[in-house]
Amino acid sequence: MKRITFLLATALLATAVWAQGPPPINPVLGEVTKIDKAAAKVTLKHGEIKNLDMPPMTMVFRVSNPKWLDDLAVGSRVRFTAEKVDGNYTLTSVSKAP
């Protein structure tokens, strides 16, 4: 009986979490350290990316829209969102930050 109660409680908890949907994707601050327009990639030194469970670091991201790179330069401060798309860390939005 205890096992059935545990399984039922686990199922209810999973349903409650699922009903809330995925965690929100909040913008993150970063700094451009490298741009590779040919590969549609940018290297950012960034703060914590909570939706990816990623600590602050410097890493390469693909960009979902390569035209965004035209507005960036090494040293630019940016505000961005990132998601894992087809197994690749990808910027889903990016804009210059003050």
PDB file of N, CA and C in Angstrom:
ATOM      1  N   MET A   1       0.819  -1.193   0.000  1.00  0.00           N
ATOM      2  CA  MET A   1       0.000   0.000   0.000  1.00  0.00           C
ATOM      3  C   MET A   1       0.869   1.266   0.000  1.00  0.00           C
ATOM      4  N   LYS A   2       1.993   1.221   0.761  1.00  0.00           N
ATOM      5  CA  LYS A   2       2.882   2.389   0.813  1.00  0.00           C
ATOM      6  C   LYS A   2       3.464   2.673  -0.571  1.00  0.00           C
ATOM      7  N   ARG A   3       3.799   1.634  -1.308  1.00  0.00           N
ATOM      8  CA  ARG A   3       4.380   1.810  -2.647  1.00  0.00           C
ATOM      9  C   ARG A   3       3.369   2.463  -3.593  1.00  0.00           C
ATOM     10  N   ILE A   4       2.112   2.043  -3.513  1.00  0.00           N
ATOM     11  CA  ILE A   4       1.078   2.632  -4.364  1.00  0.00           C
ATOM     12  C   ILE A   4       0.888   4.098  -4.010  1.00  0.00           C
ATOM     13  N   THR A   5       0.874   4.415  -2.719  1.00  0.00           N
ATOM     14  CA  THR A   5       0.738   5.803  -2.278  1.00  0.00           C
ATOM     15  C   THR A   5       1.909   6.637  -2.780  1.00  0.00           C
ATOM     16  N   PHE A   6       3.125   6.091  -2.687  1.00  0.00           N
ATOM     17  CA  PHE A   6       4.317   6.801  -3.164  1.00  0.00           C
ATOM     18  C   PHE A   6       4.225   7.046  -4.670  1.00  0.00           C
ATOM     19  N   LEU A   7       3.836   6.022  -5.429  1.00  0.00           N
ATOM     20  CA  LEU A   7       3.724   6.171  -6.879  1.00  0.00           C
ATOM     21  C   LEU A   7       2.658   7.189  -7.253  1.00  0.00           C
ATOM     22  N   LEU A   8       1.557   7.177  -6.544  1.00  0.00           N
ATOM     23  CA  LEU A   8       0.500   8.143  -6.802  1.00  0.00           C
ATOM     24  C   LEU A   8       0.966   9.563  -6.494  1.00  0.00           C
ATOM     25  N   ALA A   9       1.659   9.739  -5.386  1.00  0.00           N
ATOM     26  CA  ALA A   9       2.184  11.060  -5.021  1.00  0.00           C
ATOM     27  C   ALA A   9       3.197  11.539  -6.055  1.00  0.00           C
ATOM     28  N   THR A  10       4.052  10.648  -6.512  1.00  0.00           N
ATOM     29  CA  THR A  10       5.046  10.997  -7.527  1.00  0.00           C
ATOM     30  C   THR A  10       4.360  11.407  -8.824  1.00  0.00           C
ATOM     31  N   ALA A  11       3.351  10.672  -9.234  1.00  0.00           N
ATOM     32  CA  ALA A  11       2.617  10.994 -10.458  1.00  0.00           C
ATOM     33  C   ALA A  11       1.925  12.348 -10.343  1.00  0.00           C
ATOM     34  N   LEU A  12       1.333  12.641  -9.194  1.00  0.00           N
ATOM     35  CA  LEU A  12       0.672  13.934  -8.993  1.00  0.00           C
ATOM     36  C   LEU A  12       1.671  15.083  -9.035  1.00  0.00           C
ATOM     37  N   LEU A  13       2.832  14.884  -8.430  1.00  0.00           N
ATOM     38  CA  LEU A  13       3.865  15.914  -8.447  1.00  0.00           C
ATOM     39  C   LEU A  13       4.356  16.150  -9.871  1.00  0.00           C
ATOM     40  N   ALA A  14       4.600  15.091 -10.604  1.00  0.00           N
ATOM     41  CA  ALA A  14       5.062  15.220 -11.995  1.00  0.00           C
ATOM     42  C   ALA A  14       4.018  15.948 -12.830  1.00  0.00           C
ATOM     43  N   THR A  15       2.753  15.653 -12.610  1.00  0.00           N
ATOM     44  CA  THR A  15       1.681  16.321 -13.342  1.00  0.00           C
ATOM     45  C   THR A  15       1.651  17.814 -13.003  1.00  0.00           C
ATOM     46  N   ALA A  16       1.835  18.144 -11.750  1.00  0.00           N
ATOM     47  CA  ALA A  16       1.833  19.556 -11.338  1.00  0.00           C
ATOM     48  C   ALA A  16       2.998  20.303 -11.969  1.00  0.00           C
ATOM     49  N   VAL A  17       4.170  19.695 -11.990  1.00  0.00           N
ATOM     50  CA  VAL A  17       5.345  20.333 -12.597  1.00  0.00           C
ATOM     51  C   VAL A  17       5.126  20.485 -14.093  1.00  0.00           C
ATOM     52  N   TRP A  18       4.614  19.450 -14.756  1.00  0.00           N
ATOM     53  CA  TRP A  18       4.380  19.494 -16.191  1.00  0.00           C
ATOM     54  C   TRP A  18       3.369  20.576 -16.540  1.00  0.00           C
ATOM     55  N   ALA A  19       2.357  20.736 -15.718  1.00  0.00           N
ATOM     56  CA  ALA A  19       1.317  21.720 -15.977  1.00  0.00           C
ATOM     57  C   ALA A  19       1.871  23.145 -15.932  1.00  0.00           C
ATOM     58  N   GLN A  20       2.940  23.361 -15.179  1.00  0.00           N
ATOM     59  CA  GLN A  20       3.546  24.689 -15.085  1.00  0.00           C
ATOM     60  C   GLN A  20       4.327  25.039 -16.342  1.00  0.00           C
ATOM     61  N   GLY A  21       4.716  24.059 -17.121  1.00  0.00           N
ATOM     62  CA  GLY A  21       5.476  24.291 -18.337  1.00  0.00           C
ATOM     63  C   GLY A  21       6.957  24.406 -18.050  1.00  0.00           C
ATOM     64  N   PRO A  22       7.732  24.658 -19.102  1.00  0.00           N
ATOM     65  CA  PRO A  22       9.178  24.764 -18.924  1.00  0.00           C
ATOM     66  C   PRO A  22       9.544  26.017 -18.148  1.00  0.00           C
ATOM     67  N   PRO A  23      10.753  26.048 -17.594  1.00  0.00           N
ATOM     68  CA  PRO A  23      11.160  27.244 -16.843  1.00  0.00           C
ATOM     69  C   PRO A  23      11.224  28.447 -17.773  1.00  0.00           C
ATOM     70  N   PRO A  24      10.967  29.639 -17.254  1.00  0.00           N
ATOM     71  CA  PRO A  24      11.020  30.833 -18.092  1.00  0.00           C
ATOM     72  C   PRO A  24      12.432  31.065 -18.617  1.00  0.00           C
ATOM     73  N   ILE A  25      12.497  31.674 -19.777  1.00  0.00           N
ATOM     74  CA  ILE A  25      13.795  31.987 -20.374  1.00  0.00           C
ATOM     75  C   ILE A  25      14.036  33.475 -20.166  1.00  0.00           C
ATOM     76  N   ASN A  26      14.867  33.792 -19.195  1.00  0.00           N
ATOM     77  CA  ASN A  26      15.149  35.185 -18.857  1.00  0.00           C
ATOM     78  C   ASN A  26      16.396  35.662 -19.592  1.00  0.00           C
ATOM     79  N   PRO A  27      16.403  36.917 -20.015  1.00  0.00           N
ATOM     80  CA  PRO A  27      17.590  37.468 -20.678  1.00  0.00           C
ATOM     81  C   PRO A  27      18.806  37.457 -19.744  1.00  0.00           C
ATOM     82  N   VAL A  28      19.971  37.291 -20.344  1.00  0.00           N
ATOM     83  CA  VAL A  28      21.240  37.211 -19.624  1.00  0.00           C
ATOM     84  C   VAL A  28      22.164  38.297 -20.182  1.00  0.00           C
ATOM     85  N   LEU A  29      22.991  38.876 -19.322  1.00  0.00           N
ATOM     86  CA  LEU A  29      23.987  39.849 -19.786  1.00  0.00           C
ATOM     87  C   LEU A  29      25.259  39.130 -20.196  1.00  0.00           C
ATOM     88  N   GLY A  30      25.898  39.641 -21.229  1.00  0.00           N
ATOM     89  CA  GLY A  30      27.150  39.058 -21.677  1.00  0.00           C
ATOM     90  C   GLY A  30      27.993  40.079 -22.409  1.00  0.00           C
ATOM     91  N   GLU A  31      29.198  39.652 -22.760  1.00  0.00           N
ATOM     92  CA  GLU A  31      30.121  40.493 -23.531  1.00  0.00           C
ATOM     93  C   GLU A  31      30.662  39.681 -24.696  1.00  0.00           C
ATOM     94  N   VAL A  32      30.639  40.270 -25.886  1.00  0.00           N
ATOM     95  CA  VAL A  32      31.138  39.601 -27.080  1.00  0.00           C
ATOM     96  C   VAL A  32      32.660  39.546 -27.032  1.00  0.00           C
ATOM     97  N   THR A  33      33.231  38.342 -27.174  1.00  0.00           N
ATOM     98  CA  THR A  33      34.688  38.214 -27.197  1.00  0.00           C
ATOM     99  C   THR A  33      35.198  37.775 -28.568  1.00  0.00           C
ATOM    100  N   LYS A  34      34.299  37.229 -29.420  1.00  0.00           N
ATOM    101  CA  LYS A  34      34.702  36.810 -30.768  1.00  0.00           C
ATOM    102  C   LYS A  34      33.446  36.665 -31.618  1.00  0.00           C
ATOM    103  N   ILE A  35      33.581  36.981 -32.908  1.00  0.00           N
ATOM    104  CA  ILE A  35      32.478  36.837 -33.858  1.00  0.00           C
ATOM    105  C   ILE A  35      32.983  36.043 -35.049  1.00  0.00           C
ATOM    106  N   ASP A  36      32.227  35.022 -35.458  1.00  0.00           N
ATOM    107  CA  ASP A  36      32.551  34.219 -36.642  1.00  0.00           C
ATOM    108  C   ASP A  36      31.327  34.250 -37.551  1.00  0.00           C
ATOM    109  N   LYS A  37      31.269  35.267 -38.419  1.00  0.00           N
ATOM    110  CA  LYS A  37      30.104  35.439 -39.285  1.00  0.00           C
ATOM    111  C   LYS A  37      29.945  34.270 -40.252  1.00  0.00           C
ATOM    112  N   ALA A  38      31.040  33.743 -40.774  1.00  0.00           N
ATOM    113  CA  ALA A  38      30.967  32.641 -41.736  1.00  0.00           C
ATOM    114  C   ALA A  38      30.289  31.410 -41.139  1.00  0.00           C
ATOM    115  N   ALA A  39      30.510  31.168 -39.858  1.00  0.00           N
ATOM    116  CA  ALA A  39      29.926  30.001 -39.188  1.00  0.00           C
ATOM    117  C   ALA A  39      28.654  30.358 -38.416  1.00  0.00           C
ATOM    118  N   ALA A  40      28.252  31.631 -38.451  1.00  0.00           N
ATOM    119  CA  ALA A  40      27.077  32.117 -37.702  1.00  0.00           C
ATOM    120  C   ALA A  40      27.204  31.790 -36.217  1.00  0.00           C
ATOM    121  N   LYS A  41      28.395  32.127 -35.657  1.00  0.00           N
ATOM    122  CA  LYS A  41      28.653  31.865 -34.241  1.00  0.00           C
ATOM    123  C   LYS A  41      29.233  33.102 -33.570  1.00  0.00           C
ATOM    124  N   VAL A  42      29.001  33.194 -32.275  1.00  0.00           N
ATOM    125  CA  VAL A  42      29.546  34.281 -31.471  1.00  0.00           C
ATOM    126  C   VAL A  42      30.018  33.695 -30.143  1.00  0.00           C
ATOM    127  N   THR A  43      31.147  34.201 -29.659  1.00  0.00           N
ATOM    128  CA  THR A  43      31.649  33.780 -28.354  1.00  0.00           C
ATOM    129  C   THR A  43      31.292  34.864 -27.354  1.00  0.00           C
ATOM    130  N   LEU A  44      30.657  34.449 -26.251  1.00  0.00           N
ATOM    131  CA  LEU A  44      30.219  35.384 -25.231  1.00  0.00           C
ATOM    132  C   LEU A  44      30.774  35.001 -23.872  1.00  0.00           C
ATOM    133  N   LYS A  45      31.205  36.011 -23.123  1.00  0.00           N
ATOM    134  CA  LYS A  45      31.496  35.863 -21.696  1.00  0.00           C
ATOM    135  C   LYS A  45      30.184  36.262 -21.033  1.00  0.00           C
ATOM    136  N   HIS A  46      29.553  35.324 -20.323  1.00  0.00           N
ATOM    137  CA  HIS A  46      28.192  35.579 -19.856  1.00  0.00           C
ATOM    138  C   HIS A  46      27.977  35.192 -18.401  1.00  0.00           C
ATOM    139  N   GLY A  47      26.871  35.699 -17.875  1.00  0.00           N
ATOM    140  CA  GLY A  47      26.432  35.327 -16.538  1.00  0.00           C
ATOM    141  C   GLY A  47      25.690  34.000 -16.572  1.00  0.00           C
ATOM    142  N   GLU A  48      25.119  33.638 -15.438  1.00  0.00           N
ATOM    143  CA  GLU A  48      24.386  32.370 -15.324  1.00  0.00           C
ATOM    144  C   GLU A  48      23.203  32.335 -16.290  1.00  0.00           C
ATOM    145  N   ILE A  49      23.049  31.206 -16.973  1.00  0.00           N
ATOM    146  CA  ILE A  49      21.899  30.979 -17.850  1.00  0.00           C
ATOM    147  C   ILE A  49      21.042  29.930 -17.156  1.00  0.00           C
ATOM    148  N   LYS A  50      20.036  30.397 -16.423  1.00  0.00           N
ATOM    149  CA  LYS A  50      19.252  29.503 -15.569  1.00  0.00           C
ATOM    150  C   LYS A  50      18.486  28.446 -16.351  1.00  0.00           C
ATOM    151  N   ASN A  51      17.884  28.811 -17.491  1.00  0.00           N
ATOM    152  CA  ASN A  51      17.083  27.821 -18.217  1.00  0.00           C
ATOM    153  C   ASN A  51      17.945  26.707 -18.806  1.00  0.00           C
ATOM    154  N   LEU A  52      19.249  26.917 -18.923  1.00  0.00           N
ATOM    155  CA  LEU A  52      20.157  25.867 -19.403  1.00  0.00           C
ATOM    156  C   LEU A  52      20.954  25.258 -18.255  1.00  0.00           C
ATOM    157  N   ASP A  53      20.689  25.717 -17.031  1.00  0.00           N
ATOM    158  CA  ASP A  53      21.414  25.239 -15.851  1.00  0.00           C
ATOM    159  C   ASP A  53      22.925  25.383 -16.065  1.00  0.00           C
ATOM    160  N   MET A  54      23.323  26.583 -16.531  1.00  0.00           N
ATOM    161  CA  MET A  54      24.707  26.845 -16.909  1.00  0.00           C
ATOM    162  C   MET A  54      25.295  27.968 -16.050  1.00  0.00           C
ATOM    163  N   PRO A  55      26.449  27.737 -15.426  1.00  0.00           N
ATOM    164  CA  PRO A  55      27.089  28.788 -14.630  1.00  0.00           C
ATOM    165  C   PRO A  55      27.729  29.838 -15.537  1.00  0.00           C
ATOM    166  N   PRO A  56      28.153  30.957 -14.967  1.00  0.00           N
ATOM    167  CA  PRO A  56      28.864  31.965 -15.754  1.00  0.00           C
ATOM    168  C   PRO A  56      30.123  31.361 -16.385  1.00  0.00           C
ATOM    169  N   MET A  57      30.386  31.724 -17.625  1.00  0.00           N
ATOM    170  CA  MET A  57      31.573  31.234 -18.343  1.00  0.00           C
ATOM    171  C   MET A  57      31.706  31.961 -19.662  1.00  0.00           C
ATOM    172  N   THR A  58      32.704  31.584 -20.440  1.00  0.00           N
ATOM    173  CA  THR A  58      32.864  32.077 -21.806  1.00  0.00           C
ATOM    174  C   THR A  58      32.684  30.888 -22.731  1.00  0.00           C
ATOM    175  N   MET A  59      31.796  31.040 -23.718  1.00  0.00           N
ATOM    176  CA  MET A  59      31.546  29.922 -24.633  1.00  0.00           C
ATOM    177  C   MET A  59      31.007  30.406 -25.970  1.00  0.00           C
ATOM    178  N   VAL A  60      31.013  29.496 -26.933  1.00  0.00           N
ATOM    179  CA  VAL A  60      30.550  29.773 -28.288  1.00  0.00           C
ATOM    180  C   VAL A  60      29.074  29.400 -28.407  1.00  0.00           C
ATOM    181  N   PHE A  61      28.313  30.269 -29.057  1.00  0.00           N
ATOM    182  CA  PHE A  61      26.906  30.016 -29.350  1.00  0.00           C
ATOM    183  C   PHE A  61      26.674  30.145 -30.848  1.00  0.00           C
ATOM    184  N   ARG A  62      25.783  29.342 -31.363  1.00  0.00           N
ATOM    185  CA  ARG A  62      25.258  29.584 -32.706  1.00  0.00           C
ATOM    186  C   ARG A  62      24.240  30.710 -32.564  1.00  0.00           C
ATOM    187  N   VAL A  63      23.931  31.369 -33.664  1.00  0.00           N
ATOM    188  CA  VAL A  63      22.877  32.383 -33.631  1.00  0.00           C
ATOM    189  C   VAL A  63      21.748  31.925 -34.547  1.00  0.00           C
ATOM    190  N   SER A  64      20.514  32.078 -34.096  1.00  0.00           N
ATOM    191  CA  SER A  64      19.393  31.633 -34.919  1.00  0.00           C
ATOM    192  C   SER A  64      19.159  32.561 -36.107  1.00  0.00           C
ATOM    193  N   ASN A  65      19.676  33.790 -36.032  1.00  0.00           N
ATOM    194  CA  ASN A  65      19.582  34.721 -37.150  1.00  0.00           C
ATOM    195  C   ASN A  65      20.970  35.334 -37.371  1.00  0.00           C
ATOM    196  N   PRO A  66      21.705  34.876 -38.389  1.00  0.00           N
ATOM    197  CA  PRO A  66      23.070  35.378 -38.624  1.00  0.00           C
ATOM    198  C   PRO A  66      23.165  36.892 -38.822  1.00  0.00           C
ATOM    199  N   LYS A  67      22.088  37.547 -39.245  1.00  0.00           N
ATOM    200  CA  LYS A  67      22.108  39.007 -39.437  1.00  0.00           C
ATOM    201  C   LYS A  67      22.336  39.755 -38.127  1.00  0.00           C
ATOM    202  N   TRP A  68      22.008  39.125 -36.994  1.00  0.00           N
ATOM    203  CA  TRP A  68      22.247  39.763 -35.700  1.00  0.00           C
ATOM    204  C   TRP A  68      23.712  40.095 -35.508  1.00  0.00           C
ATOM    205  N   LEU A  69      24.603  39.301 -36.098  1.00  0.00           N
ATOM    206  CA  LEU A  69      26.044  39.514 -35.918  1.00  0.00           C
ATOM    207  C   LEU A  69      26.512  40.818 -36.555  1.00  0.00           C
ATOM    208  N   ASP A  70      25.763  41.329 -37.535  1.00  0.00           N
ATOM    209  CA  ASP A  70      26.132  42.591 -38.190  1.00  0.00           C
ATOM    210  C   ASP A  70      26.107  43.771 -37.222  1.00  0.00           C
ATOM    211  N   ASP A  71      25.283  43.684 -36.179  1.00  0.00           N
ATOM    212  CA  ASP A  71      25.142  44.787 -35.223  1.00  0.00           C
ATOM    213  C   ASP A  71      26.066  44.658 -34.018  1.00  0.00           C
ATOM    214  N   LEU A  72      26.875  43.587 -33.982  1.00  0.00           N
ATOM    215  CA  LEU A  72      27.734  43.348 -32.819  1.00  0.00           C
ATOM    216  C   LEU A  72      29.198  43.565 -33.165  1.00  0.00           C
ATOM    217  N   ALA A  73      29.995  43.829 -32.145  1.00  0.00           N
ATOM    218  CA  ALA A  73      31.444  43.970 -32.290  1.00  0.00           C
ATOM    219  C   ALA A  73      32.086  43.377 -31.042  1.00  0.00           C
ATOM    220  N   VAL A  74      33.339  42.960 -31.176  1.00  0.00           N
ATOM    221  CA  VAL A  74      34.065  42.468 -30.006  1.00  0.00           C
ATOM    222  C   VAL A  74      34.065  43.574 -28.957  1.00  0.00           C
ATOM    223  N   GLY A  75      33.713  43.226 -27.751  1.00  0.00           N
ATOM    224  CA  GLY A  75      33.620  44.194 -26.660  1.00  0.00           C
ATOM    225  C   GLY A  75      32.209  44.698 -26.404  1.00  0.00           C
ATOM    226  N   SER A  76      31.280  44.429 -27.339  1.00  0.00           N
ATOM    227  CA  SER A  76      29.890  44.854 -27.141  1.00  0.00           C
ATOM    228  C   SER A  76      29.290  44.143 -25.938  1.00  0.00           C
ATOM    229  N   ARG A  77      28.549  44.918 -25.123  1.00  0.00           N
ATOM    230  CA  ARG A  77      27.764  44.302 -24.041  1.00  0.00           C
ATOM    231  C   ARG A  77      26.406  43.973 -24.640  1.00  0.00           C
ATOM    232  N   VAL A  78      25.916  42.766 -24.354  1.00  0.00           N
ATOM    233  CA  VAL A  78      24.658  42.326 -24.930  1.00  0.00           C
ATOM    234  C   VAL A  78      23.736  41.731 -23.872  1.00  0.00           C
ATOM    235  N   ARG A  79      22.467  41.723 -24.205  1.00  0.00           N
ATOM    236  CA  ARG A  79      21.439  41.021 -23.424  1.00  0.00           C
ATOM    237  C   ARG A  79      20.891  39.972 -24.393  1.00  0.00           C
ATOM    238  N   PHE A  80      20.853  38.701 -23.944  1.00  0.00           N
ATOM    239  CA  PHE A  80      20.478  37.632 -24.866  1.00  0.00           C
ATOM    240  C   PHE A  80      19.690  36.541 -24.159  1.00  0.00           C
ATOM    241  N   THR A  81      19.027  35.726 -24.968  1.00  0.00           N
ATOM    242  CA  THR A  81      18.423  34.489 -24.483  1.00  0.00           C
ATOM    243  C   THR A  81      19.028  33.358 -25.298  1.00  0.00           C
ATOM    244  N   ALA A  82      19.154  32.202 -24.666  1.00  0.00           N
ATOM    245  CA  ALA A  82      19.745  31.046 -25.340  1.00  0.00           C
ATOM    246  C   ALA A  82      18.950  29.796 -24.996  1.00  0.00           C
ATOM    247  N   GLU A  83      18.914  28.890 -25.953  1.00  0.00           N
ATOM    248  CA  GLU A  83      18.259  27.601 -25.765  1.00  0.00           C
ATOM    249  C   GLU A  83      19.111  26.541 -26.457  1.00  0.00           C
ATOM    250  N   LYS A  84      18.850  25.292 -26.127  1.00  0.00           N
ATOM    251  CA  LYS A  84      19.515  24.191 -26.811  1.00  0.00           C
ATOM    252  C   LYS A  84      18.613  23.799 -27.978  1.00  0.00           C
ATOM    253  N   VAL A  85      19.093  24.012 -29.207  1.00  0.00           N
ATOM    254  CA  VAL A  85      18.333  23.741 -30.418  1.00  0.00           C
ATOM    255  C   VAL A  85      19.081  22.689 -31.228  1.00  0.00           C
ATOM    256  N   ASP A  86      18.449  21.574 -31.470  1.00  0.00           N
ATOM    257  CA  ASP A  86      19.079  20.472 -32.220  1.00  0.00           C
ATOM    258  C   ASP A  86      20.439  20.108 -31.640  1.00  0.00           C
ATOM    259  N   GLY A  87      20.546  20.150 -30.320  1.00  0.00           N
ATOM    260  CA  GLY A  87      21.775  19.764 -29.642  1.00  0.00           C
ATOM    261  C   GLY A  87      22.832  20.852 -29.565  1.00  0.00           C
ATOM    262  N   ASN A  88      22.538  22.043 -30.090  1.00  0.00           N
ATOM    263  CA  ASN A  88      23.504  23.144 -30.081  1.00  0.00           C
ATOM    264  C   ASN A  88      22.995  24.301 -29.224  1.00  0.00           C
ATOM    265  N   TYR A  89      23.893  24.904 -28.439  1.00  0.00           N
ATOM    266  CA  TYR A  89      23.533  26.093 -27.686  1.00  0.00           C
ATOM    267  C   TYR A  89      23.387  27.236 -28.676  1.00  0.00           C
ATOM    268  N   THR A  90      22.187  27.836 -28.702  1.00  0.00           N
ATOM    269  CA  THR A  90      21.839  28.796 -29.740  1.00  0.00           C
ATOM    270  C   THR A  90      21.219  30.042 -29.139  1.00  0.00           C
ATOM    271  N   LEU A  91      21.662  31.216 -29.606  1.00  0.00           N
ATOM    272  CA  LEU A  91      21.034  32.463 -29.184  1.00  0.00           C
ATOM    273  C   LEU A  91      19.692  32.570 -29.902  1.00  0.00           C
ATOM    274  N   THR A  92      18.639  32.771 -29.124  1.00  0.00           N
ATOM    275  CA  THR A  92      17.309  32.932 -29.703  1.00  0.00           C
ATOM    276  C   THR A  92      16.884  34.396 -29.726  1.00  0.00           C
ATOM    277  N   SER A  93      17.658  35.239 -29.063  1.00  0.00           N
ATOM    278  CA  SER A  93      17.510  36.699 -29.168  1.00  0.00           C
ATOM    279  C   SER A  93      18.800  37.316 -28.672  1.00  0.00           C
ATOM    280  N   VAL A  94      19.117  38.488 -29.212  1.00  0.00           N
ATOM    281  CA  VAL A  94      20.296  39.224 -28.747  1.00  0.00           C
ATOM    282  C   VAL A  94      20.117  40.697 -29.109  1.00  0.00           C
ATOM    283  N   SER A  95      20.492  41.571 -28.187  1.00  0.00           N
ATOM    284  CA  SER A  95      20.470  43.003 -28.436  1.00  0.00           C
ATOM    285  C   SER A  95      21.576  43.655 -27.620  1.00  0.00           C
ATOM    286  N   LYS A  96      22.002  44.830 -28.061  1.00  0.00           N
ATOM    287  CA  LYS A  96      23.021  45.560 -27.331  1.00  0.00           C
ATOM    288  C   LYS A  96      22.467  45.988 -25.980  1.00  0.00           C
ATOM    289  N   ALA A  97      23.304  45.903 -24.968  1.00  0.00           N
ATOM    290  CA  ALA A  97      22.914  46.324 -23.621  1.00  0.00           C
ATOM    291  C   ALA A  97      23.645  47.612 -23.285  1.00  0.00           C
ATOM    292  N   PRO A  98      23.037  48.442 -22.451  1.00  0.00           N
ATOM    293  CA  PRO A  98      23.721  49.703 -22.055  1.00  0.00           C
ATOM    294  C   PRO A  98      24.938  49.440 -21.205  1.00  0.00           C
TER     295      PRO A  98
END
